Amino acid sequence: MKQWISAQDGLNNIRLVDAPEPERLRDGEVLVRIHCVALNFRDTEVCMGHYNHHKTLDQGAPIVPCSDMCGTIEKLGPGNDDYGLKEGDRVMAIFNQTHLKGQITEKDMSSGLGFPSSGVLAQYRVFPAYGLVKVPDHLADDEAATLPIAAVTAWMAINTFQPIGQPLTGKDKVVLLQGTGGVSISGLQIAKALGLTAIVTSSSDAKLDRARQLGADYTINYKTTPEWQDKVLELTGGKGADVVFETGGAETLAKSFACVAYGGLISSIGYLSGKEDALPGPRINTNVLALRRNVTLKGMLNGPKERFEEMLGLYESKQIHPVVDRAFEFEQAKEALGYLAGGSHFGKVVVEVVQSDL
C-alpha cells in the first residue's frame, strides 16, 4: 500500500512511500480501506514541526499525518463481537482513539491520530474497533471525513457543559463564530440545526455572503469593522454572545471577552493570529477579563466518542451535509496541505484516496 509520511520539516517535504500491508489483525483490530481524508490546520502544523504546545507529546520520528477519514471495513480481527461492525461498513475514526467518555485525559492525548500516533493519509490503516463510528447513510465519503475534528470540536464548543441528549437550543441563545474555516462552518450548521442565533465574522464579504446562505443571522467583516466586539453587543441588544468560538488567539481573545454574555462560554479552539501576544500597550490580565462578565474560558480538545455519536444523531435527523470547499487527489496531498495553509478555503479541504461510490 502507499502512504504519505512527514519528518515534520515542512509541507513541501512530505513524501509518498510504499508500506507493507498488515499481515495479521490482533484481537479487537479492524483493517479499513481509506476512501477520503479531511485536512485540519493541525495537520499543517505537524508537518511543519510547529505543533509544540502539548509539551508531554513526543515529536520524534517521521509520521503519517492527518487524523480525519472515512473508509470501509476491509477485514475484522478476532474479538470484535461487542462493536456491531461488519465487513463493508462505512466508518469514521474518532480523533483521540482512547477518548470514549467524559473529559479528555493526558493518557488519551497519546492516542491522537496524525500525532503522536500514526495518521490516516494512507490507503489502508488498522484501527481498534472501539475507535470507529459508523457513517450516517445520507453522507458522502468526503462529507463524512470532515466530521471527526471539525464537527465534533464545534459540537463540544456549544455543548460541552450540556448533559448528553440535551444540547443547547433556542433562538435566544447566540453563538459567535470567528472565521469561516472547518470548525466555524460546522458550528454554523450545528447552531442553525439547533435553532440558535448565529453571528459569523470574516475578512471576506464573499465568504460572509456564503455564511448567510447557510443561515447565519448576522455577519461582520472584521476588516471594515475592526471593533467587531462592539457590533456583537449592538446586534444582541447589549447582551453579548452566549457561546464564542475563539479561533484567533492573540489578536481576538480580549475582544471575545468584551462581547461574551454574562455567564457565557468562550470556547478556545485555535490561534490563527498567533500563540503569543504581540500587541503593543498594556494588556488586561485574563483573570480580570473572566471576572468582568463571569465568563467560562474552556479549551476545546475535540470530544469523546459518546459525544460524537450524539452529534451524529442531529446530522441524521436534520440531514446536515458538511461543506466541502475543495477535493484533491491522493497524489496531490502536498498541494492540498498547501492550499489549506493558505487560508482561502470556506469549510473543509479533503483528499480523495479512492473515488466515492456515492
Protein backbone atom coordinates (compact mmCIF):
# COMPACT_ATOMS: atom_id res chain seq x y z
CA MET A 1 0.00 0.00 0.00
CA LYS A 2 1.01 3.67 -0.27
CA GLN A 3 1.07 6.29 2.43
CA TRP A 4 2.37 9.82 2.95
CA ILE A 5 4.95 10.46 5.65
CA SER A 6 6.30 13.64 7.20
CA ALA A 7 9.56 14.22 9.04
CA GLN A 8 7.88 17.37 10.47
CA ASP A 9 10.27 19.56 8.50
CA GLY A 10 7.94 21.35 6.08
CA LEU A 11 4.82 20.92 3.96
CA ASN A 12 6.87 20.56 0.79
CA ASN A 13 8.89 17.72 2.28
CA ILE A 14 6.14 15.16 2.83
CA ARG A 15 6.77 12.00 0.80
CA LEU A 16 4.58 9.33 -0.77
CA VAL A 17 6.10 5.94 0.07
CA ASP A 18 5.32 2.23 -0.11
CA ALA A 19 4.45 0.45 3.11
CA PRO A 20 3.65 -3.20 3.85
CA GLU A 21 0.04 -4.19 4.25
CA PRO A 22 -0.77 -5.64 7.69
CA GLU A 23 -0.43 -9.42 7.64
CA ARG A 24 -2.43 -10.26 10.75
CA LEU A 25 -5.02 -8.46 12.85
CA ARG A 26 -4.87 -8.79 16.61
CA ASP A 27 -7.88 -9.08 18.92
CA GLY A 28 -10.19 -6.11 18.53
CA GLU A 29 -8.45 -4.70 15.45
CA VAL A 30 -10.08 -3.66 12.19
CA LEU A 31 -8.49 -3.11 8.77
CA VAL A 32 -10.03 -0.12 6.99
CA ARG A 33 -9.63 0.83 3.36
CA ILE A 34 -9.49 4.62 3.45
CA HIS A 35 -11.64 6.44 0.90
CA CYS A 36 -11.25 10.07 1.89
CA VAL A 37 -9.17 12.16 4.29
CA ALA A 38 -10.14 15.63 5.54
CA LEU A 39 -7.42 18.11 6.45
CA ASN A 40 -7.15 20.28 9.55
CA PHE A 41 -4.93 23.24 10.42
CA ARG A 42 -3.33 20.92 12.99
CA ASP A 43 -2.05 18.74 10.13
CA THR A 44 -0.12 21.64 8.60
CA GLU A 45 1.42 22.41 11.99
CA VAL A 46 2.50 18.80 12.45
CA CYS A 47 4.10 18.67 9.00
CA MET A 48 5.95 21.94 9.67
CA GLY A 49 7.12 20.87 13.14
CA HIS A 50 5.11 23.64 14.80
CA TYR A 51 2.71 21.50 16.82
CA ASN A 52 4.58 22.01 20.06
CA HIS A 53 2.17 23.41 22.65
CA HIS A 54 1.39 20.00 24.18
CA LYS A 55 4.71 19.62 25.97
CA THR A 56 4.25 15.98 27.01
CA LEU A 57 3.77 14.64 23.47
CA ASP A 58 6.79 13.28 21.61
CA GLN A 59 7.61 14.96 18.30
CA GLY A 60 10.27 12.49 17.27
CA ALA A 61 10.09 10.05 14.38
CA PRO A 62 8.61 10.58 10.90
CA ILE A 63 4.87 10.13 10.97
CA VAL A 64 1.90 9.51 8.69
CA PRO A 65 -0.02 12.81 9.04
CA CYS A 66 -3.76 13.58 9.28
CA SER A 67 -6.48 12.32 11.58
CA ASP A 68 -9.87 12.51 9.82
CA MET A 69 -11.01 9.80 7.44
CA CYS A 70 -13.93 7.89 6.02
CA GLY A 71 -13.44 4.36 4.76
CA THR A 72 -14.85 0.87 4.59
CA ILE A 73 -14.04 -2.08 6.79
CA GLU A 74 -11.95 -4.50 4.75
CA LYS A 75 -11.38 -7.11 7.45
CA LEU A 76 -12.26 -7.74 11.09
CA GLY A 77 -9.84 -9.33 13.50
CA PRO A 78 -11.00 -11.64 16.28
CA GLY A 79 -12.77 -10.26 19.34
CA ASN A 80 -14.96 -7.68 17.62
CA ASP A 81 -18.38 -9.03 18.61
CA ASP A 82 -19.13 -6.13 21.00
CA TYR A 83 -18.90 -3.30 18.48
CA GLY A 84 -21.59 -4.11 15.91
CA LEU A 85 -19.21 -3.77 12.97
CA LYS A 86 -19.07 -5.89 9.85
CA GLU A 87 -17.05 -6.01 6.66
CA GLY A 88 -18.23 -3.39 4.19
CA ASP A 89 -19.43 -0.93 6.83
CA ARG A 90 -18.51 2.69 6.17
CA VAL A 91 -16.76 4.13 9.21
CA MET A 92 -15.04 7.23 10.57
CA ALA A 93 -12.25 7.21 13.15
CA ILE A 94 -12.51 9.21 16.34
CA PHE A 95 -9.60 11.63 16.78
CA ASN A 96 -8.15 10.54 20.12
CA GLN A 97 -8.69 6.80 19.80
CA THR A 98 -9.00 6.03 23.53
CA HIS A 99 -11.19 9.04 24.40
CA LEU A 100 -14.54 7.30 24.69
CA LYS A 101 -16.32 9.16 27.51
CA GLY A 102 -16.08 12.31 29.61
CA GLN A 103 -13.24 14.83 29.76
CA ILE A 104 -10.01 14.00 27.97
CA THR A 105 -7.00 12.86 29.99
CA GLU A 106 -3.29 13.07 29.25
CA LYS A 107 -3.32 9.35 28.50
CA ASP A 108 -5.93 9.88 25.77
CA MET A 109 -3.81 12.57 24.14
CA SER A 110 -1.18 9.96 23.31
CA SER A 111 -3.70 8.18 21.05
CA GLY A 112 -4.28 11.23 18.81
CA LEU A 113 -4.26 10.27 15.13
CA GLY A 114 -1.76 12.10 12.98
CA PHE A 115 0.30 12.99 16.05
CA PRO A 116 1.61 11.46 18.17
CA SER A 117 0.03 8.27 16.76
CA SER A 118 0.39 7.42 13.11
CA GLY A 119 -2.26 9.13 10.98
CA VAL A 120 -4.60 8.28 8.13
CA LEU A 121 -3.11 9.78 4.95
CA ALA A 122 -2.74 6.27 3.55
CA GLN A 123 -4.61 3.70 1.51
CA TYR A 124 -5.18 1.37 4.47
CA ARG A 125 -4.92 1.60 8.24
CA VAL A 126 -5.56 -0.69 11.19
CA PHE A 127 -7.74 0.73 13.98
CA PRO A 128 -9.03 -0.60 17.27
CA ALA A 129 -12.74 -1.33 16.80
CA TYR A 130 -13.63 0.95 19.71
CA GLY A 131 -12.06 3.87 17.83
CA LEU A 132 -14.55 3.74 14.95
CA VAL A 133 -18.10 5.02 14.43
CA LYS A 134 -20.49 4.21 11.59
CA VAL A 135 -21.20 6.78 8.88
CA PRO A 136 -24.80 8.00 8.52
CA ASP A 137 -26.27 6.80 5.23
CA HIS A 138 -27.05 10.29 3.90
CA LEU A 139 -23.41 11.41 3.94
CA ALA A 140 -20.98 11.00 1.05
CA ASP A 141 -17.47 9.82 1.89
CA ASP A 142 -15.91 13.28 1.59
CA GLU A 143 -18.62 14.79 3.82
CA ALA A 144 -18.22 12.12 6.48
CA ALA A 145 -14.44 12.51 6.56
CA THR A 146 -14.84 16.13 7.69
CA LEU A 147 -16.64 15.31 10.94
CA PRO A 148 -14.16 13.83 13.48
CA ILE A 149 -12.25 17.01 14.36
CA ALA A 150 -14.13 19.99 12.93
CA ALA A 151 -17.70 18.99 13.67
CA VAL A 152 -17.03 17.27 17.00
CA THR A 153 -15.00 20.27 18.18
CA ALA A 154 -17.85 22.56 17.12
CA TRP A 155 -20.38 20.36 18.91
CA MET A 156 -18.33 20.46 22.09
CA ALA A 157 -17.76 24.21 21.76
CA ILE A 158 -21.52 24.64 22.03
CA ASN A 159 -22.49 21.72 24.26
CA THR A 160 -19.51 20.83 26.43
CA PHE A 161 -21.44 21.72 29.61
CA GLN A 162 -24.78 20.40 28.37
CA PRO A 163 -25.87 16.93 29.52
CA ILE A 164 -25.77 14.28 26.80
CA GLY A 165 -29.05 14.31 24.94
CA GLN A 166 -29.84 17.89 25.97
CA PRO A 167 -27.99 20.18 23.53
CA LEU A 168 -28.27 23.96 23.71
CA THR A 169 -31.36 25.15 21.85
CA GLY A 170 -33.41 28.28 21.32
CA LYS A 171 -33.19 31.43 19.22
CA ASP A 172 -32.49 33.47 22.36
CA LYS A 173 -29.09 31.74 22.60
CA VAL A 174 -26.41 33.43 20.49
CA VAL A 175 -23.29 31.77 19.06
CA LEU A 176 -20.43 33.92 17.73
CA LEU A 177 -18.32 32.09 15.13
CA GLN A 178 -14.94 33.57 14.25
CA GLY A 179 -13.93 32.94 10.65
CA THR A 180 -15.17 30.51 8.02
CA GLY A 181 -12.83 27.55 8.43
CA GLY A 182 -13.87 23.99 9.11
CA VAL A 183 -14.79 24.30 12.79
CA SER A 184 -16.67 27.59 12.39
CA ILE A 185 -18.71 26.44 9.40
CA SER A 186 -19.50 23.16 11.16
CA GLY A 187 -20.53 25.26 14.15
CA LEU A 188 -22.77 27.41 11.96
CA GLN A 189 -24.56 24.36 10.56
CA ILE A 190 -24.96 22.83 14.01
CA ALA A 191 -26.14 26.11 15.55
CA LYS A 192 -28.84 26.58 12.92
CA ALA A 193 -29.95 22.94 13.23
CA LEU A 194 -30.37 23.55 16.98
CA GLY A 195 -32.35 26.76 16.37
CA LEU A 196 -29.65 29.07 17.77
CA THR A 197 -28.87 32.59 16.58
CA ALA A 198 -25.53 32.69 14.75
CA ILE A 199 -23.13 35.59 14.14
CA VAL A 200 -20.19 34.98 11.77
CA THR A 201 -17.07 37.12 11.34
CA SER A 202 -14.70 37.13 8.37
CA SER A 203 -12.45 39.50 6.43
CA SER A 204 -14.15 38.44 3.17
CA ASP A 205 -17.54 39.76 2.10
CA ALA A 206 -17.83 36.86 -0.35
CA LYS A 207 -17.38 34.34 2.47
CA LEU A 208 -19.85 36.22 4.64
CA ASP A 209 -22.38 36.02 1.82
CA ARG A 210 -21.91 32.25 1.73
CA ALA A 211 -22.34 32.14 5.50
CA ARG A 212 -25.67 33.94 5.17
CA GLN A 213 -26.71 31.37 2.57
CA LEU A 214 -26.05 28.70 5.22
CA GLY A 215 -28.32 30.52 7.66
CA ALA A 216 -26.08 32.98 9.52
CA ASP A 217 -28.37 35.54 11.17
CA TYR A 218 -25.73 38.28 11.26
CA THR A 219 -22.30 38.72 9.66
CA ILE A 220 -19.45 41.11 10.46
CA ASN A 221 -16.44 41.95 8.31
CA TYR A 222 -13.68 42.44 10.87
CA LYS A 223 -11.52 44.33 8.40
CA THR A 224 -14.10 47.05 7.79
CA THR A 225 -15.37 46.78 11.39
CA PRO A 226 -12.17 46.31 13.44
CA GLU A 227 -14.03 46.84 16.73
CA TRP A 228 -16.30 43.93 15.91
CA GLN A 229 -16.92 43.21 19.58
CA ASP A 230 -18.95 46.43 19.78
CA LYS A 231 -21.02 45.30 16.80
CA VAL A 232 -21.74 41.98 18.51
CA LEU A 233 -23.05 43.83 21.55
CA GLU A 234 -25.14 46.09 19.32
CA LEU A 235 -26.66 43.14 17.44
CA THR A 236 -27.54 41.39 20.70
CA GLY A 237 -29.01 44.43 22.42
CA GLY A 238 -26.03 44.67 24.78
CA LYS A 239 -26.34 41.05 25.97
CA GLY A 240 -23.43 39.54 24.04
CA ALA A 241 -22.91 36.02 22.72
CA ASP A 242 -23.71 33.05 24.93
CA VAL A 243 -21.01 30.98 23.18
CA VAL A 244 -17.93 32.32 21.40
CA PHE A 245 -15.87 30.19 19.01
CA GLU A 246 -12.45 31.69 19.84
CA THR A 247 -10.25 30.72 16.90
CA GLY A 248 -7.97 33.75 16.60
CA GLY A 249 -5.98 33.71 19.80
CA ALA A 250 -3.54 36.55 20.35
CA GLU A 251 -5.44 39.26 18.48
CA THR A 252 -9.02 38.21 19.25
CA LEU A 253 -9.27 36.89 22.81
CA ALA A 254 -9.62 40.27 24.54
CA LYS A 255 -12.39 41.21 22.11
CA SER A 256 -14.13 37.90 22.73
CA PHE A 257 -14.12 38.65 26.44
CA ALA A 258 -15.61 42.06 25.68
CA CYS A 259 -18.64 40.69 23.82
CA VAL A 260 -19.43 37.40 25.55
CA ALA A 261 -22.65 37.36 27.55
CA TYR A 262 -22.60 37.40 31.34
CA GLY A 263 -22.12 33.80 32.42
CA GLY A 264 -21.24 32.87 28.84
CA LEU A 265 -18.72 30.42 27.41
CA ILE A 266 -15.61 31.22 25.38
CA SER A 267 -14.53 28.01 23.66
CA SER A 268 -10.81 28.23 22.91
CA ILE A 269 -10.34 26.39 19.63
CA GLY A 270 -7.43 27.89 17.72
CA TYR A 271 -4.77 30.56 17.43
CA LEU A 272 -4.72 31.69 13.82
CA SER A 273 -3.45 35.14 14.86
CA GLY A 274 -0.60 33.65 16.89
CA LYS A 275 0.20 31.71 20.04
CA GLU A 276 1.91 34.62 21.82
CA ASP A 277 0.61 38.15 22.40
CA ALA A 278 2.49 40.66 20.28
CA LEU A 279 0.27 43.72 20.53
CA PRO A 280 1.76 46.94 21.95
CA GLY A 281 0.41 48.63 25.06
CA PRO A 282 -0.90 47.29 28.37
CA ARG A 283 -2.87 44.05 28.39
CA ILE A 284 -5.59 43.25 30.91
CA ASN A 285 -4.94 40.06 32.84
CA THR A 286 -7.09 37.09 31.79
CA ASN A 287 -8.37 36.72 35.36
CA VAL A 288 -9.82 40.21 35.22
CA LEU A 289 -11.33 39.61 31.78
CA ALA A 290 -13.03 36.43 33.01
CA LEU A 291 -14.28 38.08 36.19
CA ARG A 292 -15.63 41.11 34.36
CA ARG A 293 -18.56 39.20 32.82
CA ASN A 294 -18.47 35.99 34.89
CA VAL A 295 -17.08 34.06 31.92
CA THR A 296 -16.03 30.44 31.45
CA LEU A 297 -12.93 30.05 29.26
CA LYS A 298 -12.66 26.42 28.14
CA GLY A 299 -10.01 24.79 25.99
CA MET A 300 -11.51 22.51 23.34
CA LEU A 301 -9.53 19.36 22.56
CA ASN A 302 -12.20 17.70 20.44
CA GLY A 303 -14.59 15.36 22.30
CA PRO A 304 -15.23 11.74 23.27
CA LYS A 305 -16.82 9.03 21.16
CA GLU A 306 -20.09 9.27 23.09
CA ARG A 307 -20.48 12.95 22.12
CA PHE A 308 -19.50 12.19 18.51
CA GLU A 309 -22.31 9.66 18.30
CA GLU A 310 -24.68 12.11 20.00
CA MET A 311 -23.83 14.72 17.34
CA LEU A 312 -24.39 12.22 14.53
CA GLY A 313 -27.98 11.88 15.71
CA LEU A 314 -28.53 15.56 14.86
CA TYR A 315 -26.79 15.19 11.49
CA GLU A 316 -29.09 12.28 10.65
CA SER A 317 -32.33 13.83 11.90
CA LYS A 318 -31.67 17.19 10.19
CA GLN A 319 -29.92 15.68 7.15
CA ILE A 320 -26.96 18.03 7.56
CA HIS A 321 -24.40 17.93 4.75
CA PRO A 322 -20.96 19.33 5.72
CA VAL A 323 -19.42 21.97 3.47
CA VAL A 324 -16.52 20.67 1.36
CA ASP A 325 -14.56 23.53 -0.19
CA ARG A 326 -12.28 21.53 -2.47
CA ALA A 327 -11.17 17.95 -3.10
CA PHE A 328 -7.67 16.87 -4.16
CA GLU A 329 -6.48 13.50 -5.45
CA PHE A 330 -4.34 11.30 -3.21
CA GLU A 331 -1.20 12.11 -5.18
CA GLN A 332 -1.92 15.83 -4.63
CA ALA A 333 -1.81 15.69 -0.83
CA LYS A 334 1.14 18.09 -0.72
CA GLU A 335 -0.80 20.64 -2.76
CA ALA A 336 -3.88 20.10 -0.60
CA LEU A 337 -1.99 20.90 2.60
CA GLY A 338 -0.52 23.99 0.97
CA TYR A 339 -3.97 25.14 -0.11
CA LEU A 340 -5.31 24.70 3.42
CA ALA A 341 -2.35 26.60 4.88
CA GLY A 342 -3.10 29.48 2.50
CA GLY A 343 -6.38 30.11 4.31
CA SER A 344 -8.62 30.86 1.32
CA HIS A 345 -10.92 27.89 1.92
CA PHE A 346 -14.55 28.01 3.11
CA GLY A 347 -15.39 24.87 5.05
CA LYS A 348 -13.25 21.77 4.64
CA VAL A 349 -10.47 20.60 2.31
CA VAL A 350 -10.32 16.88 1.53
CA VAL A 351 -8.03 14.36 -0.15
CA GLU A 352 -9.76 11.58 -2.09
CA VAL A 353 -7.77 8.40 -1.59
CA VAL A 354 -10.25 6.46 -3.74
CA GLN A 355 -13.30 7.76 -5.56
CA SER A 356 -16.55 7.63 -3.59
CA ASP A 357 -19.28 5.23 -4.64
CA LEU A 358 -21.96 7.77 -3.60
